[in-house]
């Protein structure tokens, strides 16, 4: 299994209503130094309906300005529809919405 596949398998585990950070996703995939690689992998998500890349946010809970499938507004709308709580327009409430495997 290659690095991107490892990342995709972990991101698939993030349930609706929860988010994980890039660093957390990297750690779950096996290497805490893969945060940027997580971003690259999600930007080239081969299965947008299957791999919920919209559930990955920055370490501060901010949305990705480079969200590959429509921008941060689309990412926010997708998260809100799943019940994710926001502190402000572009910052997720990590205290209540962080995925804890």
Protein backbone atom coordinates (compact mmCIF):
# COMPACT_ATOMS: atom_id res chain seq x y z
CA UNK A 1 0.00 0.00 0.00
CA UNK A 2 1.50 3.34 -0.99
CA UNK A 3 1.53 6.51 1.12
CA UNK A 4 -1.55 8.08 -0.49
CA UNK A 5 -3.52 4.85 -0.05
CA UNK A 6 -2.59 4.75 3.65
CA UNK A 7 -3.82 8.34 4.02
CA UNK A 8 -7.06 7.63 2.16
CA UNK A 9 -7.79 4.60 4.34
CA UNK A 10 -7.44 6.69 7.50
CA UNK A 11 -9.45 9.64 6.20
CA UNK A 12 -12.27 7.23 5.33
CA UNK A 13 -12.53 6.44 9.06
CA UNK A 14 -13.41 10.03 10.05
CA UNK A 15 -17.16 9.87 10.79
CA UNK A 16 -19.80 12.41 9.81
CA UNK A 17 -19.90 15.29 12.28
CA UNK A 18 -16.18 15.00 13.07
CA UNK A 19 -12.97 16.38 11.60
CA UNK A 20 -9.28 15.54 11.83
CA UNK A 21 -6.31 17.82 11.29
CA UNK A 22 -3.71 17.27 8.58
CA UNK A 23 -1.21 16.32 11.27
CA UNK A 24 -3.62 13.95 12.96
CA UNK A 25 -4.38 12.33 9.60
CA UNK A 26 -0.65 11.95 8.96
CA UNK A 27 -0.13 10.32 12.35
CA UNK A 28 -3.06 7.94 11.79
CA UNK A 29 -1.54 6.99 8.41
CA UNK A 30 1.74 6.09 10.06
CA UNK A 31 4.03 9.13 9.96
CA UNK A 32 3.51 12.39 11.86
CA UNK A 33 5.75 14.17 9.32
CA UNK A 34 3.31 13.59 6.45
CA UNK A 35 1.07 16.65 7.05
CA UNK A 36 1.94 18.22 3.70
CA UNK A 37 1.68 14.86 1.98
CA UNK A 38 -1.84 14.52 3.41
CA UNK A 39 -2.67 17.82 1.67
CA UNK A 40 -1.25 16.58 -1.63
CA UNK A 41 -3.11 13.28 -1.34
CA UNK A 42 -6.43 14.94 -0.56
CA UNK A 43 -5.99 17.47 -3.35
CA UNK A 44 -5.79 14.56 -5.78
CA UNK A 45 -8.56 12.55 -4.10
CA UNK A 46 -9.49 9.83 -6.64
CA UNK A 47 -12.86 9.12 -4.98
CA UNK A 48 -14.45 12.37 -3.71
CA UNK A 49 -17.71 10.68 -2.74
CA UNK A 50 -15.91 7.91 -0.87
CA UNK A 51 -12.87 9.62 0.68
CA UNK A 52 -14.26 12.50 2.81
CA UNK A 53 -11.39 14.94 2.33
CA UNK A 54 -13.67 17.78 3.44
CA UNK A 55 -13.34 16.43 7.00
CA UNK A 56 -9.65 17.37 7.21
CA UNK A 57 -8.77 20.84 8.52
CA UNK A 58 -5.67 22.72 9.67
CA UNK A 59 -4.18 22.31 13.15
CA UNK A 60 -6.14 25.42 14.21
CA UNK A 61 -9.43 24.08 12.84
CA UNK A 62 -9.38 26.33 9.79
CA UNK A 63 -10.77 25.29 6.45
CA UNK A 64 -8.51 24.75 3.48
CA UNK A 65 -8.31 27.72 1.13
CA UNK A 66 -7.20 25.19 -1.48
CA UNK A 67 -10.09 22.77 -0.96
CA UNK A 68 -9.93 20.94 -4.27
CA UNK A 69 -13.63 20.39 -4.80
CA UNK A 70 -15.10 23.86 -4.80
CA UNK A 71 -13.24 26.00 -2.28
CA UNK A 72 -13.62 26.67 1.43
CA UNK A 73 -17.29 27.67 1.11
CA UNK A 74 -18.14 24.23 -0.24
CA UNK A 75 -16.08 22.58 2.49
CA UNK A 76 -17.88 24.62 5.16
CA UNK A 77 -21.29 23.80 3.73
CA UNK A 78 -20.45 20.09 3.61
CA UNK A 79 -19.27 20.10 7.23
CA UNK A 80 -22.27 22.09 8.46
CA UNK A 81 -24.61 19.64 6.73
CA UNK A 82 -22.93 16.87 8.76
CA UNK A 83 -23.37 18.70 12.06
CA UNK A 84 -19.87 20.09 12.53
CA UNK A 85 -19.86 23.12 14.83
CA UNK A 86 -18.00 26.29 13.84
CA UNK A 87 -16.50 28.92 16.14
CA UNK A 88 -16.63 31.47 13.32
CA UNK A 89 -17.08 31.47 9.56
CA UNK A 90 -14.00 29.37 8.73
CA UNK A 91 -12.89 27.74 11.99
CA UNK A 92 -14.20 24.41 13.26
CA UNK A 93 -14.76 23.85 16.98
CA UNK A 94 -12.00 21.27 17.40
CA UNK A 95 -12.75 20.83 21.09
CA UNK A 96 -16.15 19.37 20.25
CA UNK A 97 -15.69 18.07 16.73
CA UNK A 98 -12.23 16.51 16.59
CA UNK A 99 -12.21 12.83 15.68
CA UNK A 100 -10.67 10.74 18.44
CA UNK A 101 -10.08 7.22 17.13
